[in-house]
N, C-alpha and C. Protein backbone atom coordinates (compact mmCIF):
# COMPACT_ATOMS: atom_id res chain seq x y z
N MET A 1 75.85 -47.35 77.14
CA MET A 1 76.34 -48.38 76.19
C MET A 1 77.80 -48.63 76.48
N GLU A 2 78.17 -49.85 76.65
CA GLU A 2 79.54 -50.18 77.02
C GLU A 2 80.43 -50.24 75.77
N ALA A 3 81.65 -49.71 75.89
CA ALA A 3 82.61 -49.78 74.78
C ALA A 3 83.10 -51.20 74.60
N GLU A 4 83.36 -51.51 73.31
CA GLU A 4 83.83 -52.87 73.01
C GLU A 4 85.28 -53.01 73.43
N VAL A 5 85.58 -53.97 74.15
CA VAL A 5 86.94 -54.24 74.60
C VAL A 5 87.49 -55.42 73.82
N LYS A 6 88.56 -55.12 73.05
CA LYS A 6 89.15 -56.17 72.22
C LYS A 6 90.01 -57.08 73.07
N PRO A 7 90.05 -58.30 72.68
CA PRO A 7 90.92 -59.23 73.42
C PRO A 7 92.38 -58.81 73.23
N PRO A 8 93.25 -59.12 74.17
CA PRO A 8 94.68 -58.78 74.08
C PRO A 8 95.34 -59.31 72.81
N GLU A 9 94.87 -60.49 72.36
CA GLU A 9 95.49 -61.06 71.16
C GLU A 9 95.24 -60.16 69.94
N GLN A 10 94.03 -59.60 69.81
CA GLN A 10 93.71 -58.74 68.69
C GLN A 10 94.47 -57.42 68.75
N VAL A 11 94.64 -56.88 69.94
CA VAL A 11 95.39 -55.63 70.11
C VAL A 11 96.84 -55.83 69.70
N LEU A 12 97.44 -56.94 70.12
CA LEU A 12 98.83 -57.22 69.79
C LEU A 12 99.01 -57.39 68.29
N SER A 13 98.05 -58.11 67.66
CA SER A 13 98.13 -58.33 66.21
C SER A 13 98.02 -57.02 65.45
N SER A 14 97.14 -56.13 65.92
CA SER A 14 96.96 -54.83 65.27
C SER A 14 98.21 -53.99 65.39
N ASN A 15 98.82 -53.99 66.55
CA ASN A 15 100.06 -53.23 66.75
C ASN A 15 101.19 -53.73 65.85
N LYS A 16 101.24 -55.05 65.69
CA LYS A 16 102.28 -55.63 64.82
C LYS A 16 102.09 -55.18 63.38
N ARG A 17 100.80 -55.13 62.94
CA ARG A 17 100.56 -54.70 61.57
C ARG A 17 100.96 -53.24 61.37
N ILE A 18 100.66 -52.40 62.38
CA ILE A 18 101.03 -50.98 62.28
C ILE A 18 102.55 -50.82 62.25
N LEU A 19 103.24 -51.57 63.12
CA LEU A 19 104.70 -51.49 63.16
C LEU A 19 105.32 -51.97 61.86
N ARG A 20 104.75 -53.06 61.31
CA ARG A 20 105.27 -53.61 60.06
C ARG A 20 105.09 -52.60 58.92
N ALA A 21 103.95 -51.97 58.88
CA ALA A 21 103.70 -50.97 57.83
C ALA A 21 104.64 -49.78 57.97
N PHE A 22 104.90 -49.38 59.20
CA PHE A 22 105.82 -48.26 59.44
C PHE A 22 107.23 -48.60 58.98
N LEU A 23 107.69 -49.80 59.32
CA LEU A 23 109.05 -50.22 58.94
C LEU A 23 109.19 -50.30 57.43
N TRP A 24 108.15 -50.83 56.76
CA TRP A 24 108.21 -50.89 55.30
C TRP A 24 108.26 -49.49 54.68
N SER A 25 107.56 -48.55 55.27
CA SER A 25 107.59 -47.17 54.77
C SER A 25 108.97 -46.56 54.91
N VAL A 26 109.60 -46.78 56.08
CA VAL A 26 110.95 -46.27 56.31
C VAL A 26 111.93 -46.89 55.32
N LEU A 27 111.82 -48.21 55.11
CA LEU A 27 112.72 -48.90 54.18
C LEU A 27 112.54 -48.37 52.76
N ALA A 28 111.30 -48.10 52.39
CA ALA A 28 111.04 -47.56 51.04
C ALA A 28 111.67 -46.19 50.87
N LEU A 29 111.60 -45.35 51.91
CA LEU A 29 112.21 -44.03 51.84
C LEU A 29 113.73 -44.12 51.74
N VAL A 30 114.34 -45.05 52.48
CA VAL A 30 115.79 -45.24 52.43
C VAL A 30 116.22 -45.68 51.04
N ILE A 31 115.51 -46.65 50.47
CA ILE A 31 115.85 -47.15 49.13
C ILE A 31 115.71 -46.03 48.09
N ALA A 32 114.64 -45.24 48.23
CA ALA A 32 114.44 -44.14 47.29
C ALA A 32 115.58 -43.12 47.39
N GLY A 33 116.03 -42.86 48.61
CA GLY A 33 117.15 -41.92 48.79
C GLY A 33 118.42 -42.42 48.16
N ILE A 34 118.69 -43.73 48.30
CA ILE A 34 119.90 -44.31 47.71
C ILE A 34 119.84 -44.23 46.19
N VAL A 35 118.68 -44.52 45.62
CA VAL A 35 118.52 -44.46 44.16
C VAL A 35 118.76 -43.05 43.64
N VAL A 36 118.18 -42.05 44.32
CA VAL A 36 118.35 -40.66 43.89
C VAL A 36 119.81 -40.24 43.98
N ALA A 37 120.49 -40.64 45.07
CA ALA A 37 121.91 -40.28 45.24
C ALA A 37 122.76 -40.89 44.14
N ASN A 38 122.47 -42.15 43.79
CA ASN A 38 123.24 -42.81 42.73
C ASN A 38 123.02 -42.16 41.38
N ILE A 39 121.78 -41.74 41.13
CA ILE A 39 121.49 -41.06 39.86
C ILE A 39 122.25 -39.75 39.77
N LYS A 40 122.28 -38.98 40.87
CA LYS A 40 122.99 -37.71 40.87
C LYS A 40 124.48 -37.90 40.67
N SER A 41 125.06 -38.91 41.34
CA SER A 41 126.50 -39.13 41.21
C SER A 41 126.86 -39.59 39.82
N PHE A 42 125.90 -40.26 39.14
CA PHE A 42 126.17 -40.70 37.78
C PHE A 42 126.08 -39.55 36.79
N VAL A 43 125.09 -38.68 37.01
CA VAL A 43 124.86 -37.58 36.07
C VAL A 43 125.85 -36.45 36.27
N TYR A 44 126.14 -36.08 37.53
CA TYR A 44 126.98 -34.93 37.83
C TYR A 44 128.35 -35.39 38.30
N GLN A 45 129.35 -35.31 37.43
CA GLN A 45 130.73 -35.64 37.76
C GLN A 45 131.63 -34.53 37.25
N PRO A 46 131.54 -33.31 37.78
CA PRO A 46 132.24 -32.16 37.22
C PRO A 46 133.74 -32.28 37.28
N GLY A 47 134.26 -32.87 38.37
CA GLY A 47 135.72 -32.93 38.51
C GLY A 47 136.35 -33.79 37.44
N GLU A 48 135.89 -35.03 37.33
CA GLU A 48 136.49 -35.96 36.39
C GLU A 48 136.24 -35.51 34.96
N THR A 49 135.04 -35.02 34.68
CA THR A 49 134.71 -34.64 33.32
C THR A 49 135.54 -33.45 32.86
N SER A 50 135.69 -32.41 33.72
CA SER A 50 136.41 -31.22 33.30
C SER A 50 137.88 -31.52 33.07
N GLU A 51 138.47 -32.40 33.89
CA GLU A 51 139.90 -32.70 33.71
C GLU A 51 140.13 -33.49 32.43
N SER A 52 139.20 -34.43 32.14
CA SER A 52 139.41 -35.24 30.94
C SER A 52 139.20 -34.42 29.68
N VAL A 53 138.30 -33.44 29.75
CA VAL A 53 138.01 -32.63 28.57
C VAL A 53 139.07 -31.55 28.37
N SER A 54 139.50 -30.91 29.46
CA SER A 54 140.41 -29.78 29.33
C SER A 54 141.52 -29.83 30.38
N PRO A 55 142.56 -30.65 30.17
CA PRO A 55 143.66 -30.71 31.14
C PRO A 55 144.40 -29.39 31.25
N LEU A 56 144.35 -28.56 30.22
CA LEU A 56 145.04 -27.26 30.28
C LEU A 56 144.42 -26.33 31.33
N SER A 57 143.17 -26.61 31.71
CA SER A 57 142.53 -25.76 32.71
C SER A 57 143.22 -25.88 34.06
N ARG A 58 143.96 -26.97 34.27
CA ARG A 58 144.67 -27.14 35.53
C ARG A 58 146.01 -26.41 35.53
N LEU A 59 146.43 -25.91 34.37
CA LEU A 59 147.74 -25.31 34.22
C LEU A 59 147.60 -23.79 34.16
N ALA A 60 148.12 -23.11 35.17
CA ALA A 60 147.94 -21.66 35.27
C ALA A 60 148.69 -20.93 34.16
N VAL A 61 148.18 -19.75 33.82
CA VAL A 61 148.89 -18.82 32.94
C VAL A 61 149.38 -17.68 33.81
N HIS A 62 150.69 -17.60 34.04
CA HIS A 62 151.22 -16.60 34.96
C HIS A 62 151.36 -15.23 34.30
N HIS A 63 152.17 -15.13 33.26
CA HIS A 63 152.35 -13.83 32.60
C HIS A 63 153.11 -14.03 31.29
N GLN A 64 153.10 -12.99 30.48
CA GLN A 64 153.80 -12.99 29.20
C GLN A 64 155.25 -12.56 29.41
N LEU A 65 156.19 -13.28 28.82
CA LEU A 65 157.60 -12.90 28.91
C LEU A 65 157.89 -11.73 27.97
N PRO A 66 158.79 -10.85 28.37
CA PRO A 66 159.21 -9.77 27.46
C PRO A 66 160.24 -10.31 26.47
N ASP A 67 160.46 -9.57 25.41
CA ASP A 67 161.47 -9.98 24.44
C ASP A 67 162.86 -9.80 25.03
N PHE A 68 163.83 -10.51 24.47
CA PHE A 68 165.23 -10.37 24.89
C PHE A 68 166.12 -10.52 23.68
N ASP A 69 167.33 -10.01 23.80
CA ASP A 69 168.29 -10.07 22.69
C ASP A 69 169.63 -10.53 23.27
N LEU A 70 169.90 -11.84 23.18
CA LEU A 70 171.09 -12.43 23.78
C LEU A 70 171.84 -13.27 22.75
N THR A 71 172.92 -13.90 23.19
CA THR A 71 173.78 -14.69 22.28
C THR A 71 173.91 -16.11 22.83
N ASN A 72 173.75 -17.11 21.97
CA ASN A 72 173.84 -18.49 22.44
C ASN A 72 175.27 -19.03 22.39
N GLN A 73 175.43 -20.28 22.77
CA GLN A 73 176.76 -20.89 22.87
C GLN A 73 177.43 -21.08 21.51
N HIS A 74 176.68 -20.89 20.45
CA HIS A 74 177.24 -20.99 19.10
C HIS A 74 177.61 -19.61 18.55
N GLY A 75 177.43 -18.58 19.36
CA GLY A 75 177.75 -17.23 18.92
C GLY A 75 176.67 -16.58 18.09
N ARG A 76 175.47 -17.15 18.09
CA ARG A 76 174.39 -16.61 17.28
C ARG A 76 173.39 -15.85 18.16
N ALA A 77 172.86 -14.78 17.61
CA ALA A 77 171.86 -13.99 18.34
C ALA A 77 170.59 -14.81 18.53
N MET A 78 169.95 -14.59 19.68
CA MET A 78 168.72 -15.31 19.97
C MET A 78 167.77 -14.40 20.74
N SER A 79 166.50 -14.44 20.35
CA SER A 79 165.47 -13.63 21.01
C SER A 79 164.26 -14.50 21.30
N LEU A 80 163.27 -13.91 21.93
CA LEU A 80 162.06 -14.65 22.27
C LEU A 80 161.37 -15.18 21.01
N SER A 81 161.44 -14.42 19.94
CA SER A 81 160.76 -14.83 18.71
C SER A 81 161.33 -16.12 18.14
N ASP A 82 162.60 -16.42 18.44
CA ASP A 82 163.20 -17.67 17.97
C ASP A 82 162.59 -18.89 18.64
N LEU A 83 161.88 -18.67 19.74
CA LEU A 83 161.25 -19.77 20.46
C LEU A 83 159.74 -19.80 20.24
N SER A 84 159.25 -18.92 19.39
CA SER A 84 157.82 -18.86 19.11
C SER A 84 157.34 -20.19 18.52
N GLY A 85 156.24 -20.68 19.03
CA GLY A 85 155.70 -21.96 18.56
C GLY A 85 156.30 -23.16 19.25
N LYS A 86 157.25 -22.93 20.15
CA LYS A 86 157.89 -24.02 20.89
C LYS A 86 157.52 -23.95 22.37
N ILE A 87 157.50 -25.10 22.99
CA ILE A 87 157.39 -25.19 24.44
C ILE A 87 158.80 -25.29 24.98
N TRP A 88 159.11 -24.57 26.06
CA TRP A 88 160.48 -24.63 26.55
C TRP A 88 160.57 -24.53 28.06
N VAL A 89 161.68 -25.08 28.56
CA VAL A 89 161.98 -25.06 29.99
C VAL A 89 163.22 -24.20 30.18
N ALA A 90 163.14 -23.24 31.10
CA ALA A 90 164.25 -22.31 31.32
C ALA A 90 164.80 -22.42 32.73
N ASP A 91 166.07 -22.06 32.87
CA ASP A 91 166.66 -21.88 34.20
C ASP A 91 167.77 -20.85 34.13
N PHE A 92 168.27 -20.44 35.29
CA PHE A 92 169.35 -19.47 35.39
C PHE A 92 170.50 -20.10 36.16
N ILE A 93 171.68 -20.16 35.51
CA ILE A 93 172.84 -20.83 36.09
C ILE A 93 174.10 -20.03 35.76
N PHE A 94 175.27 -20.53 36.17
CA PHE A 94 176.55 -20.03 35.64
C PHE A 94 177.55 -21.17 35.70
N THR A 95 178.48 -21.17 34.76
CA THR A 95 179.31 -22.36 34.54
C THR A 95 180.32 -22.63 35.65
N SER A 96 180.74 -21.60 36.38
CA SER A 96 181.72 -21.82 37.46
C SER A 96 181.06 -22.11 38.80
N CYS A 97 179.76 -22.23 38.81
CA CYS A 97 179.00 -22.52 40.04
C CYS A 97 179.39 -23.89 40.57
N PRO A 98 179.85 -23.98 41.82
CA PRO A 98 180.31 -25.27 42.37
C PRO A 98 179.23 -26.03 43.13
N THR A 99 178.06 -25.44 43.29
CA THR A 99 177.07 -26.05 44.18
C THR A 99 175.80 -26.49 43.45
N ILE A 100 174.85 -25.58 43.26
CA ILE A 100 173.54 -25.99 42.78
C ILE A 100 173.42 -26.11 41.26
N CYS A 101 174.32 -25.45 40.53
CA CYS A 101 174.18 -25.44 39.06
C CYS A 101 174.42 -26.80 38.40
N PRO A 102 175.47 -27.54 38.78
CA PRO A 102 175.64 -28.87 38.16
C PRO A 102 174.44 -29.79 38.36
N PRO A 103 173.86 -29.88 39.58
CA PRO A 103 172.65 -30.71 39.72
C PRO A 103 171.48 -30.20 38.89
N MET A 104 171.35 -28.89 38.77
CA MET A 104 170.28 -28.34 37.94
C MET A 104 170.46 -28.75 36.49
N THR A 105 171.69 -28.64 36.01
CA THR A 105 171.95 -29.01 34.62
C THR A 105 171.76 -30.51 34.41
N ASP A 106 172.15 -31.30 35.41
CA ASP A 106 171.93 -32.75 35.31
C ASP A 106 170.44 -33.07 35.18
N GLU A 107 169.62 -32.39 35.97
CA GLU A 107 168.18 -32.62 35.90
C GLU A 107 167.62 -32.20 34.55
N MET A 108 168.14 -31.11 34.02
CA MET A 108 167.69 -30.65 32.71
C MET A 108 168.12 -31.65 31.63
N VAL A 109 169.31 -32.22 31.76
CA VAL A 109 169.77 -33.23 30.80
C VAL A 109 168.82 -34.44 30.83
N ARG A 110 168.38 -34.82 32.01
CA ARG A 110 167.43 -35.94 32.11
C ARG A 110 166.15 -35.63 31.35
N LEU A 111 165.68 -34.40 31.50
CA LEU A 111 164.49 -34.00 30.75
C LEU A 111 164.75 -34.03 29.25
N GLN A 112 165.92 -33.50 28.85
CA GLN A 112 166.29 -33.50 27.43
C GLN A 112 166.26 -34.91 26.87
N ASN A 113 166.83 -35.86 27.60
CA ASN A 113 166.91 -37.24 27.12
C ASN A 113 165.56 -37.94 27.16
N GLU A 114 164.80 -37.64 28.19
CA GLU A 114 163.49 -38.27 28.33
C GLU A 114 162.53 -37.83 27.22
N PHE A 115 162.65 -36.57 26.81
CA PHE A 115 161.77 -36.04 25.76
C PHE A 115 162.52 -35.87 24.44
N ALA A 116 163.48 -36.74 24.20
CA ALA A 116 164.33 -36.62 23.01
C ALA A 116 163.54 -36.65 21.71
N SER A 117 162.40 -37.33 21.70
CA SER A 117 161.62 -37.46 20.47
C SER A 117 160.65 -36.30 20.26
N GLU A 118 160.58 -35.37 21.22
CA GLU A 118 159.63 -34.26 21.13
C GLU A 118 160.30 -33.05 20.47
N SER A 119 160.08 -32.90 19.18
CA SER A 119 160.73 -31.82 18.43
C SER A 119 160.21 -30.44 18.80
N GLU A 120 159.05 -30.37 19.47
CA GLU A 120 158.46 -29.08 19.85
C GLU A 120 158.96 -28.58 21.20
N LEU A 121 159.81 -29.36 21.87
CA LEU A 121 160.29 -28.98 23.20
C LEU A 121 161.72 -28.47 23.13
N ARG A 122 161.99 -27.34 23.79
CA ARG A 122 163.33 -26.75 23.85
C ARG A 122 163.73 -26.49 25.30
N PHE A 123 165.01 -26.21 25.50
CA PHE A 123 165.56 -25.89 26.81
C PHE A 123 166.44 -24.64 26.67
N VAL A 124 166.36 -23.77 27.67
CA VAL A 124 167.13 -22.52 27.62
C VAL A 124 167.72 -22.26 28.99
N SER A 125 169.05 -22.07 29.03
CA SER A 125 169.74 -21.73 30.27
C SER A 125 170.38 -20.35 30.12
N PHE A 126 170.00 -19.44 31.00
CA PHE A 126 170.53 -18.08 30.99
C PHE A 126 171.68 -17.98 32.00
N SER A 127 172.80 -17.45 31.56
CA SER A 127 173.94 -17.29 32.47
C SER A 127 173.77 -16.03 33.32
N VAL A 128 173.95 -16.19 34.64
CA VAL A 128 173.91 -15.03 35.54
C VAL A 128 175.33 -14.51 35.82
N ASP A 129 176.29 -15.06 35.09
CA ASP A 129 177.68 -14.57 35.16
C ASP A 129 178.17 -14.36 33.73
N PRO A 130 177.49 -13.51 32.97
CA PRO A 130 177.78 -13.39 31.54
C PRO A 130 179.15 -12.81 31.22
N GLU A 131 179.76 -12.10 32.17
CA GLU A 131 181.08 -11.53 31.89
C GLU A 131 182.12 -12.63 31.72
N ARG A 132 181.98 -13.72 32.43
CA ARG A 132 182.91 -14.86 32.29
C ARG A 132 182.34 -15.95 31.39
N ASP A 133 181.01 -16.06 31.33
CA ASP A 133 180.39 -17.09 30.51
C ASP A 133 180.22 -16.59 29.08
N THR A 134 181.31 -16.62 28.34
CA THR A 134 181.28 -16.26 26.92
C THR A 134 180.67 -17.42 26.13
N PRO A 135 180.33 -17.20 24.87
CA PRO A 135 179.81 -18.31 24.06
C PRO A 135 180.75 -19.52 24.06
N ALA A 136 182.05 -19.29 23.99
CA ALA A 136 183.00 -20.41 23.98
C ALA A 136 182.95 -21.20 25.29
N VAL A 137 182.88 -20.47 26.41
CA VAL A 137 182.81 -21.13 27.73
C VAL A 137 181.51 -21.91 27.85
N LEU A 138 180.41 -21.31 27.42
CA LEU A 138 179.13 -21.99 27.48
C LEU A 138 179.10 -23.23 26.58
N SER A 139 179.76 -23.14 25.44
CA SER A 139 179.81 -24.27 24.52
C SER A 139 180.55 -25.46 25.15
N ARG A 140 181.67 -25.18 25.83
CA ARG A 140 182.42 -26.26 26.49
C ARG A 140 181.59 -26.86 27.63
N TYR A 141 180.92 -26.01 28.37
CA TYR A 141 180.08 -26.47 29.47
C TYR A 141 178.97 -27.39 28.94
N ALA A 142 178.33 -26.98 27.86
CA ALA A 142 177.27 -27.79 27.25
C ALA A 142 177.80 -29.14 26.79
N ASP A 143 178.97 -29.13 26.17
CA ASP A 143 179.57 -30.38 25.70
C ASP A 143 179.88 -31.31 26.86
N ASP A 144 180.36 -30.75 27.97
CA ASP A 144 180.71 -31.57 29.14
C ASP A 144 179.49 -32.30 29.71
N PHE A 145 178.31 -31.70 29.54
CA PHE A 145 177.10 -32.31 30.11
C PHE A 145 176.30 -33.11 29.08
N GLY A 146 176.81 -33.21 27.87
CA GLY A 146 176.11 -33.98 26.85
C GLY A 146 174.85 -33.31 26.35
N VAL A 147 174.93 -32.01 26.19
CA VAL A 147 173.77 -31.22 25.75
C VAL A 147 173.57 -31.34 24.24
N ASP A 148 172.32 -31.46 23.83
CA ASP A 148 171.96 -31.41 22.42
C ASP A 148 171.83 -29.95 22.03
N GLY A 149 172.85 -29.42 21.38
CA GLY A 149 172.89 -28.01 21.04
C GLY A 149 171.83 -27.54 20.07
N SER A 150 171.17 -28.46 19.40
CA SER A 150 170.10 -28.07 18.47
C SER A 150 168.79 -27.83 19.20
N ARG A 151 168.70 -28.27 20.46
CA ARG A 151 167.45 -28.13 21.22
C ARG A 151 167.63 -27.37 22.53
N TRP A 152 168.89 -27.08 22.87
CA TRP A 152 169.15 -26.46 24.16
C TRP A 152 170.11 -25.29 23.98
N ALA A 153 169.64 -24.10 24.31
CA ALA A 153 170.45 -22.89 24.16
C ALA A 153 170.97 -22.41 25.50
N PHE A 154 172.26 -22.08 25.55
CA PHE A 154 172.87 -21.42 26.70
C PHE A 154 173.12 -19.97 26.29
N LEU A 155 172.52 -19.04 27.01
CA LEU A 155 172.52 -17.65 26.57
C LEU A 155 173.35 -16.75 27.47
N THR A 156 174.05 -15.82 26.83
CA THR A 156 174.84 -14.81 27.53
C THR A 156 174.59 -13.45 26.87
N GLY A 157 175.07 -12.41 27.51
CA GLY A 157 174.85 -11.07 26.98
C GLY A 157 175.17 -10.03 28.03
N GLU A 158 174.52 -8.88 27.97
CA GLU A 158 174.75 -7.84 28.97
C GLU A 158 174.16 -8.26 30.31
N LYS A 159 174.95 -8.07 31.35
CA LYS A 159 174.53 -8.50 32.68
C LYS A 159 173.24 -7.82 33.12
N THR A 160 173.15 -6.51 32.90
CA THR A 160 171.96 -5.78 33.33
C THR A 160 170.71 -6.31 32.63
N SER A 161 170.84 -6.67 31.37
CA SER A 161 169.70 -7.18 30.61
C SER A 161 169.25 -8.54 31.14
N ILE A 162 170.23 -9.39 31.45
CA ILE A 162 169.89 -10.72 31.95
C ILE A 162 169.26 -10.64 33.34
N TYR A 163 169.80 -9.79 34.19
CA TYR A 163 169.25 -9.66 35.54
C TYR A 163 167.86 -9.05 35.50
N GLN A 164 167.67 -8.09 34.61
CA GLN A 164 166.33 -7.50 34.47
C GLN A 164 165.34 -8.53 33.96
N LEU A 165 165.78 -9.36 33.02
CA LEU A 165 164.93 -10.42 32.49
C LEU A 165 164.56 -11.41 33.59
N ALA A 166 165.53 -11.76 34.44
CA ALA A 166 165.26 -12.68 35.54
C ALA A 166 164.25 -12.09 36.52
N HIS A 167 164.48 -10.82 36.90
CA HIS A 167 163.63 -10.18 37.91
C HIS A 167 162.24 -9.85 37.38
N GLU A 168 162.20 -9.10 36.28
CA GLU A 168 160.95 -8.55 35.79
C GLU A 168 160.23 -9.47 34.79
N GLY A 169 161.03 -10.29 34.10
CA GLY A 169 160.42 -11.18 33.12
C GLY A 169 159.98 -12.50 33.73
N PHE A 170 160.91 -13.17 34.43
CA PHE A 170 160.62 -14.48 35.00
C PHE A 170 160.19 -14.43 36.46
N ASN A 171 160.33 -13.26 37.09
CA ASN A 171 160.01 -13.13 38.52
C ASN A 171 160.85 -14.06 39.38
N LEU A 172 162.13 -14.16 39.05
CA LEU A 172 163.07 -15.00 39.79
C LEU A 172 164.14 -14.13 40.44
N ALA A 173 164.57 -14.55 41.63
CA ALA A 173 165.60 -13.81 42.36
C ALA A 173 166.97 -14.06 41.74
N THR A 174 167.75 -13.00 41.61
CA THR A 174 169.12 -13.05 41.11
C THR A 174 169.89 -11.88 41.73
N GLY A 175 171.13 -12.13 42.12
CA GLY A 175 171.90 -11.04 42.72
C GLY A 175 173.25 -11.50 43.23
N HIS A 176 173.83 -10.71 44.13
CA HIS A 176 175.15 -11.00 44.68
C HIS A 176 175.13 -10.86 46.20
N ARG A 177 175.96 -11.65 46.85
CA ARG A 177 176.24 -11.47 48.27
C ARG A 177 177.76 -11.51 48.39
N GLY A 178 178.35 -10.31 48.40
CA GLY A 178 179.80 -10.23 48.29
C GLY A 178 180.22 -10.70 46.91
N SER A 179 181.11 -11.66 46.87
CA SER A 179 181.55 -12.23 45.58
C SER A 179 180.69 -13.41 45.15
N GLU A 180 179.75 -13.79 46.00
CA GLU A 180 178.89 -14.94 45.70
C GLU A 180 177.74 -14.53 44.80
N ILE A 181 177.52 -15.32 43.75
CA ILE A 181 176.42 -15.07 42.82
C ILE A 181 175.21 -15.87 43.29
N LEU A 182 174.08 -15.19 43.42
CA LEU A 182 172.86 -15.83 43.89
C LEU A 182 171.84 -15.92 42.76
N HIS A 183 171.12 -17.03 42.71
CA HIS A 183 170.07 -17.18 41.70
C HIS A 183 169.10 -18.28 42.13
N SER A 184 167.97 -18.32 41.47
CA SER A 184 166.92 -19.27 41.81
C SER A 184 167.29 -20.68 41.34
N THR A 185 166.76 -21.68 42.05
CA THR A 185 166.95 -23.08 41.65
C THR A 185 165.75 -23.60 40.86
N ARG A 186 164.82 -22.72 40.54
CA ARG A 186 163.60 -23.18 39.89
C ARG A 186 163.72 -23.28 38.37
N PHE A 187 163.03 -24.27 37.82
CA PHE A 187 162.82 -24.37 36.39
C PHE A 187 161.51 -23.64 36.07
N VAL A 188 161.46 -23.09 34.87
CA VAL A 188 160.26 -22.36 34.44
C VAL A 188 159.76 -22.96 33.13
N LEU A 189 158.47 -23.28 33.10
CA LEU A 189 157.86 -23.84 31.89
C LEU A 189 157.16 -22.72 31.12
N VAL A 190 157.49 -22.62 29.83
CA VAL A 190 156.96 -21.55 28.97
C VAL A 190 156.23 -22.20 27.79
N ASP A 191 155.08 -21.62 27.42
CA ASP A 191 154.30 -22.21 26.33
C ASP A 191 154.67 -21.62 24.97
N ARG A 192 153.94 -22.01 23.95
CA ARG A 192 154.25 -21.62 22.57
C ARG A 192 154.09 -20.13 22.32
N GLN A 193 153.33 -19.46 23.14
CA GLN A 193 153.13 -18.01 22.99
C GLN A 193 154.06 -17.18 23.87
N GLY A 194 155.00 -17.84 24.55
CA GLY A 194 155.93 -17.11 25.41
C GLY A 194 155.33 -16.75 26.76
N LYS A 195 154.32 -17.49 27.19
CA LYS A 195 153.70 -17.26 28.50
C LYS A 195 154.22 -18.26 29.51
N VAL A 196 154.52 -17.78 30.71
CA VAL A 196 154.98 -18.67 31.79
C VAL A 196 153.79 -19.48 32.29
N ARG A 197 153.97 -20.81 32.35
CA ARG A 197 152.88 -21.70 32.76
C ARG A 197 153.15 -22.42 34.07
N GLY A 198 154.39 -22.33 34.59
CA GLY A 198 154.64 -23.01 35.86
C GLY A 198 156.06 -22.83 36.36
N TYR A 199 156.22 -22.94 37.69
CA TYR A 199 157.53 -22.87 38.36
C TYR A 199 157.75 -24.17 39.13
N TYR A 200 158.99 -24.68 39.10
CA TYR A 200 159.27 -25.99 39.67
C TYR A 200 160.65 -25.98 40.33
N ASP A 201 160.71 -26.33 41.59
CA ASP A 201 161.98 -26.40 42.30
C ASP A 201 162.76 -27.60 41.76
N SER A 202 163.93 -27.35 41.20
CA SER A 202 164.72 -28.42 40.58
C SER A 202 165.25 -29.42 41.60
N ARG A 203 165.17 -29.09 42.89
CA ARG A 203 165.65 -30.00 43.94
C ARG A 203 164.56 -30.91 44.46
N SER A 204 163.34 -30.72 44.00
CA SER A 204 162.19 -31.48 44.51
C SER A 204 161.74 -32.52 43.49
N LYS A 205 161.76 -33.79 43.87
CA LYS A 205 161.31 -34.85 42.97
C LYS A 205 159.83 -34.67 42.62
N ALA A 206 159.04 -34.26 43.61
CA ALA A 206 157.61 -34.06 43.35
C ALA A 206 157.40 -32.93 42.34
N ASN A 207 158.18 -31.85 42.47
CA ASN A 207 158.08 -30.74 41.53
C ASN A 207 158.49 -31.16 40.13
N LEU A 208 159.54 -31.96 40.04
CA LEU A 208 160.03 -32.40 38.73
C LEU A 208 159.02 -33.34 38.06
N GLN A 209 158.34 -34.16 38.86
CA GLN A 209 157.30 -35.01 38.30
C GLN A 209 156.13 -34.17 37.79
N ARG A 210 155.81 -33.13 38.52
CA ARG A 210 154.75 -32.21 38.08
C ARG A 210 155.16 -31.51 36.79
N LEU A 211 156.44 -31.14 36.69
CA LEU A 211 156.94 -30.52 35.46
C LEU A 211 156.79 -31.47 34.28
N ARG A 212 157.14 -32.72 34.46
CA ARG A 212 157.00 -33.70 33.38
C ARG A 212 155.54 -33.81 32.94
N ARG A 213 154.65 -33.87 33.91
CA ARG A 213 153.23 -33.96 33.59
C ARG A 213 152.77 -32.73 32.82
N ASP A 214 153.22 -31.53 33.26
CA ASP A 214 152.78 -30.30 32.61
C ASP A 214 153.38 -30.14 31.21
N ILE A 215 154.61 -30.61 31.02
CA ILE A 215 155.19 -30.60 29.68
C ILE A 215 154.33 -31.44 28.73
N LYS A 216 153.95 -32.63 29.19
CA LYS A 216 153.12 -33.50 28.36
C LYS A 216 151.77 -32.87 28.05
N THR A 217 151.23 -32.14 29.04
CA THR A 217 149.96 -31.45 28.81
C THR A 217 150.09 -30.41 27.70
N LEU A 218 151.16 -29.61 27.74
CA LEU A 218 151.34 -28.58 26.72
C LEU A 218 151.67 -29.17 25.34
N LEU A 219 152.26 -30.34 25.33
CA LEU A 219 152.63 -30.97 24.06
C LEU A 219 151.44 -31.59 23.34
N ARG A 220 150.34 -31.77 24.04
CA ARG A 220 149.16 -32.42 23.43
C ARG A 220 148.57 -31.57 22.31
């Protein structure tokens, strides 16, 4: 019995139908994949959702500050408890510093003025030359820079206590090289519970912008 031989036209038509069916199947699979991917991207957005719900999660908690007992530019005693419930920015300077301290204080003044309406925000500058930086000297220095003395404390006291606070409390470098006084250029952000929440190089515009953002986060 001889096998049926289809004409070439029928074979070509059959192949076209098979190819067309295959292409439609592939297209259907591609469309289904796109739909599933879009559904997943709509349902699962962990990055954006977590940041919008909890911006504080982006702000590290470094460590708890120890208590201190120092004197401000008004001659009044001041300790960590006086800052309880307040957010504050700290730095370490000295009034006779001819190099980095004036720019640091200028940057802090900008922050003071920018957040002038925020009653929960304070500023604290610790003198690393307390033997010469008496309350009277600190008061004149503050006045020269236009400091709001009700929101910004300049602190002095025993040198060993201040240096220990810088090293062990704030984890900042402080010391001497001959007659030169050395100290960090960083600002430190502290929360309402006295916990360090961030370090920022006062010479870096990017760091200062990050500080502004983090201050606003803690103020919320």
